[in-house]
Amino acid sequence: MKSPSAALLDAGAVALSGLCLLHCLALPLLAAALPLFGTWAEAEWVHLLFVAIALPLTGYALWRAERRHPLPVLAWATAGAGLGLLLAGALALPSHDWETPMTVTGSLLLAATHIWNARHRHG
């Protein structure tokens, strides 16, 4: 079986970040109109699922990139900060009030890392 290309991994990671942003920003608006979505948007398992997908996807994509060309420390730090913020947001650390800002910031940092990686890979 052929392994997924680096471009596909980065695109998947950016798409996941976009889904996370959509979940954090759009679903609360829909929740006001549709209580069914409100239950799903506030479910803690959804946040943990995003982290559970983002962590190995980001790790694998960046590990593959590192094997082809050394990534700068800033790329690793940005990805680590993004994952850390996603995890902290999913666990509502330090408080529930910080959940959305931390998750949105983490998603943006991860997306930026994968976009940078895709552009750097293609010259």
PDB file of N, CA and C in Angstrom:
ATOM      1  N   MET A   1       0.846  -1.179   0.000  1.00  0.00           N
ATOM      2  CA  MET A   1       0.000   0.000   0.000  1.00  0.00           C
ATOM      3  C   MET A   1       0.890   1.240   0.000  1.00  0.00           C
ATOM      4  N   LYS A   2       0.598   2.165  -0.873  1.00  0.00           N
ATOM      5  CA  LYS A   2       1.382   3.386  -0.987  1.00  0.00           C
ATOM      6  C   LYS A   2       1.052   4.325   0.169  1.00  0.00           C
ATOM      7  N   SER A   3       2.096   4.930   0.754  1.00  0.00           N
ATOM      8  CA  SER A   3       1.865   5.857   1.866  1.00  0.00           C
ATOM      9  C   SER A   3       1.338   7.182   1.324  1.00  0.00           C
ATOM     10  N   PRO A   4       0.568   7.897   2.152  1.00  0.00           N
ATOM     11  CA  PRO A   4       0.012   9.169   1.690  1.00  0.00           C
ATOM     12  C   PRO A   4       1.121  10.178   1.420  1.00  0.00           C
ATOM     13  N   SER A   5       0.895  11.008   0.406  1.00  0.00           N
ATOM     14  CA  SER A   5       1.896  12.012   0.062  1.00  0.00           C
ATOM     15  C   SER A   5       1.942  13.101   1.128  1.00  0.00           C
ATOM     16  N   ALA A   6       3.064  13.800   1.165  1.00  0.00           N
ATOM     17  CA  ALA A   6       3.222  14.893   2.125  1.00  0.00           C
ATOM     18  C   ALA A   6       2.185  15.974   1.868  1.00  0.00           C
ATOM     19  N   ALA A   7       1.898  16.246   0.592  1.00  0.00           N
ATOM     20  CA  ALA A   7       0.900  17.268   0.266  1.00  0.00           C
ATOM     21  C   ALA A   7      -0.472  16.868   0.799  1.00  0.00           C
ATOM     22  N   LEU A   8      -0.808  15.594   0.679  1.00  0.00           N
ATOM     23  CA  LEU A   8      -2.096  15.112   1.180  1.00  0.00           C
ATOM     24  C   LEU A   8      -2.165  15.216   2.699  1.00  0.00           C
ATOM     25  N   LEU A   9      -1.071  14.909   3.373  1.00  0.00           N
ATOM     26  CA  LEU A   9      -1.047  15.018   4.834  1.00  0.00           C
ATOM     27  C   LEU A   9      -1.215  16.468   5.279  1.00  0.00           C
ATOM     28  N   ASP A  10      -0.479  17.385   4.643  1.00  0.00           N
ATOM     29  CA  ASP A  10      -0.616  18.798   5.002  1.00  0.00           C
ATOM     30  C   ASP A  10      -2.022  19.301   4.690  1.00  0.00           C
ATOM     31  N   ALA A  11      -2.563  18.914   3.534  1.00  0.00           N
ATOM     32  CA  ALA A  11      -3.917  19.342   3.176  1.00  0.00           C
ATOM     33  C   ALA A  11      -4.937  18.795   4.173  1.00  0.00           C
ATOM     34  N   GLY A  12      -4.767  17.551   4.579  1.00  0.00           N
ATOM     35  CA  GLY A  12      -5.669  16.969   5.571  1.00  0.00           C
ATOM     36  C   GLY A  12      -5.581  17.675   6.906  1.00  0.00           C
ATOM     37  N   ALA A  13      -4.370  18.034   7.300  1.00  0.00           N
ATOM     38  CA  ALA A  13      -4.190  18.738   8.572  1.00  0.00           C
ATOM     39  C   ALA A  13      -4.797  20.133   8.523  1.00  0.00           C
ATOM     40  N   VAL A  14      -4.642  20.825   7.392  1.00  0.00           N
ATOM     41  CA  VAL A  14      -5.253  22.149   7.243  1.00  0.00           C
ATOM     42  C   VAL A  14      -6.775  22.021   7.245  1.00  0.00           C
ATOM     43  N   ALA A  15      -7.300  21.005   6.568  1.00  0.00           N
ATOM     44  CA  ALA A  15      -8.750  20.790   6.561  1.00  0.00           C
ATOM     45  C   ALA A  15      -9.263  20.503   7.967  1.00  0.00           C
ATOM     46  N   LEU A  16      -8.523  19.715   8.734  1.00  0.00           N
ATOM     47  CA  LEU A  16      -8.923  19.433  10.113  1.00  0.00           C
ATOM     48  C   LEU A  16      -8.932  20.709  10.941  1.00  0.00           C
ATOM     49  N   SER A  17      -7.927  21.556  10.747  1.00  0.00           N
ATOM     50  CA  SER A  17      -7.908  22.839  11.458  1.00  0.00           C
ATOM     51  C   SER A  17      -9.120  23.675  11.070  1.00  0.00           C
ATOM     52  N   GLY A  18      -9.474  23.647   9.790  1.00  0.00           N
ATOM     53  CA  GLY A  18     -10.660  24.374   9.338  1.00  0.00           C
ATOM     54  C   GLY A  18     -11.933  23.838   9.966  1.00  0.00           C
ATOM     55  N   LEU A  19     -12.040  22.518  10.060  1.00  0.00           N
ATOM     56  CA  LEU A  19     -13.207  21.925  10.725  1.00  0.00           C
ATOM     57  C   LEU A  19     -13.272  22.329  12.189  1.00  0.00           C
ATOM     58  N   CYS A  20     -12.121  22.364  12.815  1.00  0.00           N
ATOM     59  CA  CYS A  20     -12.066  22.767  14.217  1.00  0.00           C
ATOM     60  C   CYS A  20     -12.525  24.219  14.367  1.00  0.00           C
ATOM     61  N   LEU A  21     -12.043  25.090  13.485  1.00  0.00           N
ATOM     62  CA  LEU A  21     -12.469  26.491  13.519  1.00  0.00           C
ATOM     63  C   LEU A  21     -13.970  26.607  13.269  1.00  0.00           C
ATOM     64  N   LEU A  22     -14.458  25.862  12.279  1.00  0.00           N
ATOM     65  CA  LEU A  22     -15.890  25.881  11.994  1.00  0.00           C
ATOM     66  C   LEU A  22     -16.677  25.439  13.219  1.00  0.00           C
ATOM     67  N   HIS A  23     -16.215  24.389  13.854  1.00  0.00           N
ATOM     68  CA  HIS A  23     -16.872  23.882  15.061  1.00  0.00           C
ATOM     69  C   HIS A  23     -16.910  24.950  16.147  1.00  0.00           C
ATOM     70  N   CYS A  24     -15.777  25.631  16.343  1.00  0.00           N
ATOM     71  CA  CYS A  24     -15.679  26.611  17.434  1.00  0.00           C
ATOM     72  C   CYS A  24     -16.426  27.906  17.145  1.00  0.00           C
ATOM     73  N   LEU A  25     -16.422  28.339  15.902  1.00  0.00           N
ATOM     74  CA  LEU A  25     -16.978  29.648  15.578  1.00  0.00           C
ATOM     75  C   LEU A  25     -18.394  29.600  15.005  1.00  0.00           C
ATOM     76  N   ALA A  26     -18.686  28.633  14.156  1.00  0.00           N
ATOM     77  CA  ALA A  26     -19.991  28.612  13.498  1.00  0.00           C
ATOM     78  C   ALA A  26     -21.045  27.846  14.291  1.00  0.00           C
ATOM     79  N   LEU A  27     -20.662  26.748  14.886  1.00  0.00           N
ATOM     80  CA  LEU A  27     -21.660  25.946  15.587  1.00  0.00           C
ATOM     81  C   LEU A  27     -22.321  26.666  16.758  1.00  0.00           C
ATOM     82  N   PRO A  28     -21.606  27.491  17.521  1.00  0.00           N
ATOM     83  CA  PRO A  28     -22.322  28.222  18.573  1.00  0.00           C
ATOM     84  C   PRO A  28     -23.428  29.129  18.021  1.00  0.00           C
ATOM     85  N   LEU A  29     -23.222  29.680  16.826  1.00  0.00           N
ATOM     86  CA  LEU A  29     -24.279  30.493  16.211  1.00  0.00           C
ATOM     87  C   LEU A  29     -25.473  29.629  15.820  1.00  0.00           C
ATOM     88  N   LEU A  30     -25.188  28.468  15.252  1.00  0.00           N
ATOM     89  CA  LEU A  30     -26.268  27.552  14.904  1.00  0.00           C
ATOM     90  C   LEU A  30     -26.953  26.997  16.155  1.00  0.00           C
ATOM     91  N   ALA A  31     -26.181  26.876  17.222  1.00  0.00           N
ATOM     92  CA  ALA A  31     -26.733  26.335  18.463  1.00  0.00           C
ATOM     93  C   ALA A  31     -27.843  27.213  19.015  1.00  0.00           C
ATOM     94  N   ALA A  32     -27.757  28.501  18.763  1.00  0.00           N
ATOM     95  CA  ALA A  32     -28.800  29.406  19.236  1.00  0.00           C
ATOM     96  C   ALA A  32     -30.135  29.097  18.561  1.00  0.00           C
ATOM     97  N   ALA A  33     -30.073  28.626  17.320  1.00  0.00           N
ATOM     98  CA  ALA A  33     -31.297  28.335  16.578  1.00  0.00           C
ATOM     99  C   ALA A  33     -31.704  26.866  16.663  1.00  0.00           C
ATOM    100  N   LEU A  34     -30.746  26.001  16.812  1.00  0.00           N
ATOM    101  CA  LEU A  34     -31.043  24.573  16.792  1.00  0.00           C
ATOM    102  C   LEU A  34     -30.443  23.877  18.017  1.00  0.00           C
ATOM    103  N   PRO A  35     -31.253  23.610  19.018  1.00  0.00           N
ATOM    104  CA  PRO A  35     -30.742  22.983  20.242  1.00  0.00           C
ATOM    105  C   PRO A  35     -30.016  21.657  20.005  1.00  0.00           C
ATOM    106  N   LEU A  36     -30.378  20.951  18.968  1.00  0.00           N
ATOM    107  CA  LEU A  36     -29.693  19.694  18.682  1.00  0.00           C
ATOM    108  C   LEU A  36     -28.210  19.929  18.418  1.00  0.00           C
ATOM    109  N   PHE A  37     -27.889  20.946  17.617  1.00  0.00           N
ATOM    110  CA  PHE A  37     -26.492  21.268  17.342  1.00  0.00           C
ATOM    111  C   PHE A  37     -25.791  21.773  18.596  1.00  0.00           C
ATOM    112  N   GLY A  38     -26.526  22.453  19.458  1.00  0.00           N
ATOM    113  CA  GLY A  38     -25.945  22.967  20.696  1.00  0.00           C
ATOM    114  C   GLY A  38     -25.402  21.855  21.565  1.00  0.00           C
ATOM    115  N   THR A  39     -26.116  20.758  21.634  1.00  0.00           N
ATOM    116  CA  THR A  39     -25.667  19.614  22.420  1.00  0.00           C
ATOM    117  C   THR A  39     -24.381  19.042  21.840  1.00  0.00           C
ATOM    118  N   TRP A  40     -24.330  18.927  20.525  1.00  0.00           N
ATOM    119  CA  TRP A  40     -23.140  18.391  19.867  1.00  0.00           C
ATOM    120  C   TRP A  40     -21.961  19.350  19.992  1.00  0.00           C
ATOM    121  N   ALA A  41     -22.220  20.659  19.835  1.00  0.00           N
ATOM    122  CA  ALA A  41     -21.148  21.658  19.875  1.00  0.00           C
ATOM    123  C   ALA A  41     -20.496  21.729  21.248  1.00  0.00           C
ATOM    124  N   GLU A  42     -21.246  21.479  22.278  1.00  0.00           N
ATOM    125  CA  GLU A  42     -20.713  21.572  23.636  1.00  0.00           C
ATOM    126  C   GLU A  42     -20.200  20.239  24.167  1.00  0.00           C
ATOM    127  N   ALA A  43     -20.370  19.173  23.409  1.00  0.00           N
ATOM    128  CA  ALA A  43     -19.931  17.854  23.871  1.00  0.00           C
ATOM    129  C   ALA A  43     -18.410  17.814  23.977  1.00  0.00           C
ATOM    130  N   GLU A  44     -17.927  17.420  25.131  1.00  0.00           N
ATOM    131  CA  GLU A  44     -16.482  17.375  25.363  1.00  0.00           C
ATOM    132  C   GLU A  44     -15.792  16.350  24.470  1.00  0.00           C
ATOM    133  N   TRP A  45     -16.490  15.280  24.121  1.00  0.00           N
ATOM    134  CA  TRP A  45     -15.866  14.253  23.296  1.00  0.00           C
ATOM    135  C   TRP A  45     -15.486  14.780  21.927  1.00  0.00           C
ATOM    136  N   VAL A  46     -16.211  15.790  21.420  1.00  0.00           N
ATOM    137  CA  VAL A  46     -15.891  16.363  20.112  1.00  0.00           C
ATOM    138  C   VAL A  46     -14.519  17.031  20.167  1.00  0.00           C
ATOM    139  N   HIS A  47     -14.269  17.790  21.227  1.00  0.00           N
ATOM    140  CA  HIS A  47     -12.982  18.468  21.368  1.00  0.00           C
ATOM    141  C   HIS A  47     -11.847  17.456  21.492  1.00  0.00           C
ATOM    142  N   LEU A  48     -12.072  16.437  22.278  1.00  0.00           N
ATOM    143  CA  LEU A  48     -11.045  15.409  22.442  1.00  0.00           C
ATOM    144  C   LEU A  48     -10.818  14.639  21.143  1.00  0.00           C
ATOM    145  N   LEU A  49     -11.882  14.441  20.359  1.00  0.00           N
ATOM    146  CA  LEU A  49     -11.740  13.768  19.069  1.00  0.00           C
ATOM    147  C   LEU A  49     -10.864  14.588  18.126  1.00  0.00           C
ATOM    148  N   PHE A  50     -11.085  15.904  18.080  1.00  0.00           N
ATOM    149  CA  PHE A  50     -10.249  16.756  17.233  1.00  0.00           C
ATOM    150  C   PHE A  50      -8.779  16.646  17.638  1.00  0.00           C
ATOM    151  N   VAL A  51      -8.499  16.665  18.924  1.00  0.00           N
ATOM    152  CA  VAL A  51      -7.112  16.549  19.397  1.00  0.00           C
ATOM    153  C   VAL A  51      -6.557  15.167  19.052  1.00  0.00           C
ATOM    154  N   ALA A  52      -7.371  14.141  19.237  1.00  0.00           N
ATOM    155  CA  ALA A  52      -6.921  12.776  18.959  1.00  0.00           C
ATOM    156  C   ALA A  52      -6.594  12.580  17.480  1.00  0.00           C
ATOM    157  N   ILE A  53      -7.246  13.311  16.607  1.00  0.00           N
ATOM    158  CA  ILE A  53      -6.944  13.241  15.176  1.00  0.00           C
ATOM    159  C   ILE A  53      -5.775  14.162  14.836  1.00  0.00           C
ATOM    160  N   ALA A  54      -5.771  15.360  15.404  1.00  0.00           N
ATOM    161  CA  ALA A  54      -4.745  16.357  15.068  1.00  0.00           C
ATOM    162  C   ALA A  54      -3.355  15.925  15.510  1.00  0.00           C
ATOM    163  N   LEU A  55      -3.242  15.329  16.669  1.00  0.00           N
ATOM    164  CA  LEU A  55      -1.923  14.978  17.202  1.00  0.00           C
ATOM    165  C   LEU A  55      -1.166  14.008  16.293  1.00  0.00           C
ATOM    166  N   PRO A  56      -1.727  12.843  15.967  1.00  0.00           N
ATOM    167  CA  PRO A  56      -0.957  11.941  15.103  1.00  0.00           C
ATOM    168  C   PRO A  56      -0.821  12.458  13.669  1.00  0.00           C
ATOM    169  N   LEU A  57      -1.834  13.143  13.156  1.00  0.00           N
ATOM    170  CA  LEU A  57      -1.759  13.665  11.793  1.00  0.00           C
ATOM    171  C   LEU A  57      -0.647  14.699  11.671  1.00  0.00           C
ATOM    172  N   THR A  58      -0.600  15.629  12.604  1.00  0.00           N
ATOM    173  CA  THR A  58       0.454  16.645  12.593  1.00  0.00           C
ATOM    174  C   THR A  58       1.818  16.007  12.817  1.00  0.00           C
ATOM    175  N   GLY A  59       1.900  15.136  13.797  1.00  0.00           N
ATOM    176  CA  GLY A  59       3.173  14.478  14.078  1.00  0.00           C
ATOM    177  C   GLY A  59       3.708  13.720  12.878  1.00  0.00           C
ATOM    178  N   TYR A  60       2.848  12.969  12.225  1.00  0.00           N
ATOM    179  CA  TYR A  60       3.276  12.175  11.075  1.00  0.00           C
ATOM    180  C   TYR A  60       3.658  13.070   9.896  1.00  0.00           C
ATOM    181  N   ALA A  61       2.853  14.087   9.626  1.00  0.00           N
ATOM    182  CA  ALA A  61       3.145  14.990   8.502  1.00  0.00           C
ATOM    183  C   ALA A  61       4.475  15.707   8.706  1.00  0.00           C
ATOM    184  N   LEU A  62       4.712  16.204   9.904  1.00  0.00           N
ATOM    185  CA  LEU A  62       5.959  16.929  10.156  1.00  0.00           C
ATOM    186  C   LEU A  62       7.155  15.983  10.246  1.00  0.00           C
ATOM    187  N   TRP A  63       6.954  14.800  10.754  1.00  0.00           N
ATOM    188  CA  TRP A  63       8.032  13.813  10.801  1.00  0.00           C
ATOM    189  C   TRP A  63       8.470  13.457   9.383  1.00  0.00           C
ATOM    190  N   ARG A  64       7.498  13.245   8.492  1.00  0.00           N
ATOM    191  CA  ARG A  64       7.836  12.946   7.092  1.00  0.00           C
ATOM    192  C   ARG A  64       8.553  14.117   6.446  1.00  0.00           C
ATOM    193  N   ALA A  65       8.094  15.327   6.746  1.00  0.00           N
ATOM    194  CA  ALA A  65       8.748  16.512   6.188  1.00  0.00           C
ATOM    195  C   ALA A  65      10.179  16.623   6.706  1.00  0.00           C
ATOM    196  N   GLU A  66      10.369  16.343   7.975  1.00  0.00           N
ATOM    197  CA  GLU A  66      11.703  16.422   8.593  1.00  0.00           C
ATOM    198  C   GLU A  66      12.667  15.437   7.935  1.00  0.00           C
ATOM    199  N   ARG A  67      12.173  14.305   7.531  1.00  0.00           N
ATOM    200  CA  ARG A  67      13.022  13.311   6.874  1.00  0.00           C
ATOM    201  C   ARG A  67      13.513  13.806   5.517  1.00  0.00           C
ATOM    202  N   ARG A  68      12.729  14.649   4.851  1.00  0.00           N
ATOM    203  CA  ARG A  68      13.100  15.151   3.523  1.00  0.00           C
ATOM    204  C   ARG A  68      13.916  16.429   3.588  1.00  0.00           C
ATOM    205  N   HIS A  69      13.562  17.297   4.499  1.00  0.00           N
ATOM    206  CA  HIS A  69      14.279  18.564   4.674  1.00  0.00           C
ATOM    207  C   HIS A  69      14.133  18.981   6.125  1.00  0.00           C
ATOM    208  N   PRO A  70      15.225  19.379   6.756  1.00  0.00           N
ATOM    209  CA  PRO A  70      15.139  19.768   8.171  1.00  0.00           C
ATOM    210  C   PRO A  70      14.172  20.937   8.368  1.00  0.00           C
ATOM    211  N   LEU A  71      13.280  20.781   9.308  1.00  0.00           N
ATOM    212  CA  LEU A  71      12.336  21.852   9.626  1.00  0.00           C
ATOM    213  C   LEU A  71      12.963  22.780  10.656  1.00  0.00           C
ATOM    214  N   PRO A  72      12.719  24.070  10.526  1.00  0.00           N
ATOM    215  CA  PRO A  72      13.260  24.987  11.530  1.00  0.00           C
ATOM    216  C   PRO A  72      12.583  24.771  12.887  1.00  0.00           C
ATOM    217  N   VAL A  73      13.284  25.149  13.921  1.00  0.00           N
ATOM    218  CA  VAL A  73      12.758  25.019  15.278  1.00  0.00           C
ATOM    219  C   VAL A  73      11.429  25.758  15.399  1.00  0.00           C
ATOM    220  N   LEU A  74      11.292  26.882  14.706  1.00  0.00           N
ATOM    221  CA  LEU A  74      10.051  27.656  14.773  1.00  0.00           C
ATOM    222  C   LEU A  74       8.849  26.844  14.279  1.00  0.00           C
ATOM    223  N   ALA A  75       9.037  26.028  13.251  1.00  0.00           N
ATOM    224  CA  ALA A  75       7.932  25.195  12.756  1.00  0.00           C
ATOM    225  C   ALA A  75       7.508  24.189  13.820  1.00  0.00           C
ATOM    226  N   TRP A  76       8.482  23.540  14.443  1.00  0.00           N
ATOM    227  CA  TRP A  76       8.164  22.581  15.509  1.00  0.00           C
ATOM    228  C   TRP A  76       7.525  23.281  16.705  1.00  0.00           C
ATOM    229  N   ALA A  77       8.048  24.460  17.052  1.00  0.00           N
ATOM    230  CA  ALA A  77       7.500  25.204  18.195  1.00  0.00           C
ATOM    231  C   ALA A  77       6.072  25.655  17.921  1.00  0.00           C
ATOM    232  N   THR A  78       5.815  26.108  16.693  1.00  0.00           N
ATOM    233  CA  THR A  78       4.465  26.549  16.335  1.00  0.00           C
ATOM    234  C   THR A  78       3.491  25.376  16.376  1.00  0.00           C
ATOM    235  N   ALA A  79       3.906  24.247  15.822  1.00  0.00           N
ATOM    236  CA  ALA A  79       3.050  23.058  15.860  1.00  0.00           C
ATOM    237  C   ALA A  79       2.821  22.599  17.297  1.00  0.00           C
ATOM    238  N   GLY A  80       3.877  22.593  18.099  1.00  0.00           N
ATOM    239  CA  GLY A  80       3.742  22.191  19.504  1.00  0.00           C
ATOM    240  C   GLY A  80       2.825  23.112  20.283  1.00  0.00           C
ATOM    241  N   ALA A  81       2.971  24.418  20.040  1.00  0.00           N
ATOM    242  CA  ALA A  81       2.089  25.379  20.714  1.00  0.00           C
ATOM    243  C   ALA A  81       0.648  25.179  20.271  1.00  0.00           C
ATOM    244  N   GLY A  82       0.445  24.951  18.974  1.00  0.00           N
ATOM    245  CA  GLY A  82      -0.909  24.720  18.473  1.00  0.00           C
ATOM    246  C   GLY A  82      -1.543  23.491  19.089  1.00  0.00           C
ATOM    247  N   LEU A  83      -0.792  22.395  19.120  1.00  0.00           N
ATOM    248  CA  LEU A  83      -1.317  21.168  19.733  1.00  0.00           C
ATOM    249  C   LEU A  83      -1.554  21.350  21.225  1.00  0.00           C
ATOM    250  N   GLY A  84      -0.642  22.044  21.891  1.00  0.00           N
ATOM    251  CA  GLY A  84      -0.811  22.300  23.324  1.00  0.00           C
ATOM    252  C   GLY A  84      -2.057  23.115  23.614  1.00  0.00           C
ATOM    253  N   LEU A  85      -2.292  24.133  22.791  1.00  0.00           N
ATOM    254  CA  LEU A  85      -3.493  24.952  22.983  1.00  0.00           C
ATOM    255  C   LEU A  85      -4.759  24.158  22.677  1.00  0.00           C
ATOM    256  N   LEU A  86      -4.719  23.313  21.636  1.00  0.00           N
ATOM    257  CA  LEU A  86      -5.883  22.463  21.350  1.00  0.00           C
ATOM    258  C   LEU A  86      -6.184  21.542  22.527  1.00  0.00           C
ATOM    259  N   LEU A  87      -5.156  20.926  23.063  1.00  0.00           N
ATOM    260  CA  LEU A  87      -5.347  20.014  24.193  1.00  0.00           C
ATOM    261  C   LEU A  87      -5.853  20.763  25.420  1.00  0.00           C
ATOM    262  N   ALA A  88      -5.249  21.908  25.713  1.00  0.00           N
ATOM    263  CA  ALA A  88      -5.699  22.702  26.865  1.00  0.00           C
ATOM    264  C   ALA A  88      -7.147  23.144  26.682  1.00  0.00           C
ATOM    265  N   GLY A  89      -7.500  23.550  25.467  1.00  0.00           N
ATOM    266  CA  GLY A  89      -8.887  23.940  25.199  1.00  0.00           C
ATOM    267  C   GLY A  89      -9.844  22.768  25.353  1.00  0.00           C
ATOM    268  N   ALA A  90      -9.434  21.597  24.858  1.00  0.00           N
ATOM    269  CA  ALA A  90     -10.285  20.411  24.964  1.00  0.00           C
ATOM    270  C   ALA A  90     -10.500  20.003  26.416  1.00  0.00           C
ATOM    271  N   LEU A  91      -9.499  20.239  27.243  1.00  0.00           N
ATOM    272  CA  LEU A  91      -9.605  19.891  28.665  1.00  0.00           C
ATOM    273  C   LEU A  91     -10.112  21.056  29.513  1.00  0.00           C
ATOM    274  N   ALA A  92     -10.447  22.172  28.845  1.00  0.00           N
ATOM    275  CA  ALA A  92     -10.949  23.385  29.514  1.00  0.00           C
ATOM    276  C   ALA A  92      -9.966  23.889  30.566  1.00  0.00           C
ATOM    277  N   LEU A  93      -8.682  23.907  30.192  1.00  0.00           N
ATOM    278  CA  LEU A  93      -7.647  24.425  31.082  1.00  0.00           C
ATOM    279  C   LEU A  93      -7.224  25.802  30.595  1.00  0.00           C
ATOM    280  N   PRO A  94      -7.134  26.802  31.369  1.00  0.00           N
ATOM    281  CA  PRO A  94      -7.303  26.843  32.812  1.00  0.00           C
ATOM    282  C   PRO A  94      -8.769  26.917  33.233  1.00  0.00           C
ATOM    283  N   SER A  95      -9.661  27.358  32.326  1.00  0.00           N
ATOM    284  CA  SER A  95     -11.083  27.393  32.666  1.00  0.00           C
ATOM    285  C   SER A  95     -11.903  27.279  31.390  1.00  0.00           C
ATOM    286  N   HIS A  96     -13.190  27.030  31.560  1.00  0.00           N
ATOM    287  CA  HIS A  96     -14.089  26.895  30.418  1.00  0.00           C
ATOM    288  C   HIS A  96     -14.148  28.183  29.596  1.00  0.00           C
ATOM    289  N   ASP A  97     -13.951  29.334  30.242  1.00  0.00           N
ATOM    290  CA  ASP A  97     -13.995  30.618  29.537  1.00  0.00           C
ATOM    291  C   ASP A  97     -12.898  30.739  28.486  1.00  0.00           C
ATOM    292  N   TRP A  98     -11.805  30.043  28.663  1.00  0.00           N
ATOM    293  CA  TRP A  98     -10.674  30.118  27.741  1.00  0.00           C
ATOM    294  C   TRP A  98     -10.731  29.053  26.648  1.00  0.00           C
ATOM    295  N   GLU A  99     -11.699  28.166  26.716  1.00  0.00           N
ATOM    296  CA  GLU A  99     -11.751  27.028  25.794  1.00  0.00           C
ATOM    297  C   GLU A  99     -11.755  27.452  24.328  1.00  0.00           C
ATOM    298  N   THR A 100     -12.678  28.313  23.942  1.00  0.00           N
ATOM    299  CA  THR A 100     -12.775  28.709  22.536  1.00  0.00           C
ATOM    300  C   THR A 100     -11.568  29.511  22.067  1.00  0.00           C
ATOM    301  N   PRO A 101     -11.123  30.552  22.791  1.00  0.00           N
ATOM    302  CA  PRO A 101      -9.940  31.278  22.304  1.00  0.00           C
ATOM    303  C   PRO A 101      -8.696  30.393  22.173  1.00  0.00           C
ATOM    304  N   MET A 102      -8.520  29.474  23.105  1.00  0.00           N
ATOM    305  CA  MET A 102      -7.347  28.604  23.042  1.00  0.00           C
ATOM    306  C   MET A 102      -7.452  27.629  21.872  1.00  0.00           C
ATOM    307  N   THR A 103      -8.633  27.090  21.655  1.00  0.00           N
ATOM    308  CA  THR A 103      -8.826  26.134  20.572  1.00  0.00           C
ATOM    309  C   THR A 103      -8.679  26.810  19.213  1.00  0.00           C
ATOM    310  N   VAL A 104      -9.259  27.987  19.062  1.00  0.00           N
ATOM    311  CA  VAL A 104      -9.151  28.721  17.797  1.00  0.00           C
ATOM    312  C   VAL A 104      -7.691  29.079  17.520  1.00  0.00           C
ATOM    313  N   THR A 105      -6.994  29.587  18.521  1.00  0.00           N
ATOM    314  CA  THR A 105      -5.586  29.944  18.347  1.00  0.00           C
ATOM    315  C   THR A 105      -4.755  28.709  18.008  1.00  0.00           C
ATOM    316  N   GLY A 106      -5.009  27.615  18.695  1.00  0.00           N
ATOM    317  CA  GLY A 106      -4.288  26.374  18.410  1.00  0.00           C
ATOM    318  C   GLY A 106      -4.529  25.883  16.993  1.00  0.00           C
ATOM    319  N   SER A 107      -5.772  25.950  16.535  1.00  0.00           N
ATOM    320  CA  SER A 107      -6.095  25.533  15.167  1.00  0.00           C
ATOM    321  C   SER A 107      -5.393  26.408  14.140  1.00  0.00           C
ATOM    322  N   LEU A 108      -5.384  27.712  14.390  1.00  0.00           N
ATOM    323  CA  LEU A 108      -4.712  28.626  13.463  1.00  0.00           C
ATOM    324  C   LEU A 108      -3.206  28.374  13.423  1.00  0.00           C
ATOM    325  N   LEU A 109      -2.606  28.115  14.576  1.00  0.00           N
ATOM    326  CA  LEU A 109      -1.171  27.817  14.604  1.00  0.00           C
ATOM    327  C   LEU A 109      -0.852  26.528  13.848  1.00  0.00           C
ATOM    328  N   LEU A 110      -1.687  25.511  14.033  1.00  0.00           N
ATOM    329  CA  LEU A 110      -1.457  24.259  13.308  1.00  0.00           C
ATOM    330  C   LEU A 110      -1.642  24.444  11.811  1.00  0.00           C
ATOM    331  N   ALA A 111      -2.695  25.147  11.421  1.00  0.00           N
ATOM    332  CA  ALA A 111      -2.920  25.387   9.994  1.00  0.00           C
ATOM    333  C   ALA A 111      -1.752  26.167   9.402  1.00  0.00           C
ATOM    334  N   ALA A 112      -1.279  27.180  10.112  1.00  0.00           N
ATOM    335  CA  ALA A 112      -0.146  27.976   9.624  1.00  0.00           C
ATOM    336  C   ALA A 112       1.096  27.105   9.457  1.00  0.00           C
ATOM    337  N   THR A 113       1.330  26.205  10.391  1.00  0.00           N
ATOM    338  CA  THR A 113       2.488  25.314  10.294  1.00  0.00           C
ATOM    339  C   THR A 113       2.390  24.431   9.058  1.00  0.00           C
ATOM    340  N   HIS A 114       1.220  23.854   8.821  1.00  0.00           N
ATOM    341  CA  HIS A 114       1.058  22.961   7.674  1.00  0.00           C
ATOM    342  C   HIS A 114       1.097  23.729   6.353  1.00  0.00           C
ATOM    343  N   ILE A 115       0.556  24.927   6.332  1.00  0.00           N
ATOM    344  CA  ILE A 115       0.633  25.746   5.116  1.00  0.00           C
ATOM    345  C   ILE A 115       2.089  26.121   4.847  1.00  0.00           C
ATOM    346  N   TRP A 116       2.812  26.529   5.890  1.00  0.00           N
ATOM    347  CA  TRP A 116       4.232  26.842   5.726  1.00  0.00           C
ATOM    348  C   TRP A 116       4.981  25.624   5.200  1.00  0.00           C
ATOM    349  N   ASN A 117       4.708  24.467   5.775  1.00  0.00           N
ATOM    350  CA  ASN A 117       5.387  23.243   5.362  1.00  0.00           C
ATOM    351  C   ASN A 117       5.099  22.927   3.895  1.00  0.00           C
ATOM    352  N   ALA A 118       3.855  23.078   3.478  1.00  0.00           N
ATOM    353  CA  ALA A 118       3.498  22.805   2.085  1.00  0.00           C
ATOM    354  C   ALA A 118       4.203  23.780   1.141  1.00  0.00           C
ATOM    355  N   ARG A 119       4.246  25.035   1.491  1.00  0.00           N
ATOM    356  CA  ARG A 119       4.918  26.032   0.638  1.00  0.00           C
ATOM    357  C   ARG A 119       6.427  25.815   0.618  1.00  0.00           C
ATOM    358  N   HIS A 120       7.002  25.494   1.761  1.00  0.00           N
ATOM    359  CA  HIS A 120       8.445  25.276   1.845  1.00  0.00           C
ATOM    360  C   HIS A 120       8.850  24.047   1.032  1.00  0.00           C
ATOM    361  N   ARG A 121       8.018  23.052   1.045  1.00  0.00           N
ATOM    362  CA  ARG A 121       8.299  21.807   0.331  1.00  0.00           C
ATOM    363  C   ARG A 121       8.324  22.036  -1.172  1.00  0.00           C
ATOM    364  N   HIS A 122       7.475  22.945  -1.650  1.00  0.00           N
ATOM    365  CA  HIS A 122       7.377  23.190  -3.090  1.00  0.00           C
ATOM    366  C   HIS A 122       8.267  24.330  -3.554  1.00  0.00           C
ATOM    367  N   GLY A 123       9.105  24.835  -2.668  1.00  0.00           N
ATOM    368  CA  GLY A 123      10.063  25.855  -3.060  1.00  0.00           C
ATOM    369  C   GLY A 123       9.523  27.226  -2.937  1.00  0.00           C
TER     370      GLY A 123
END
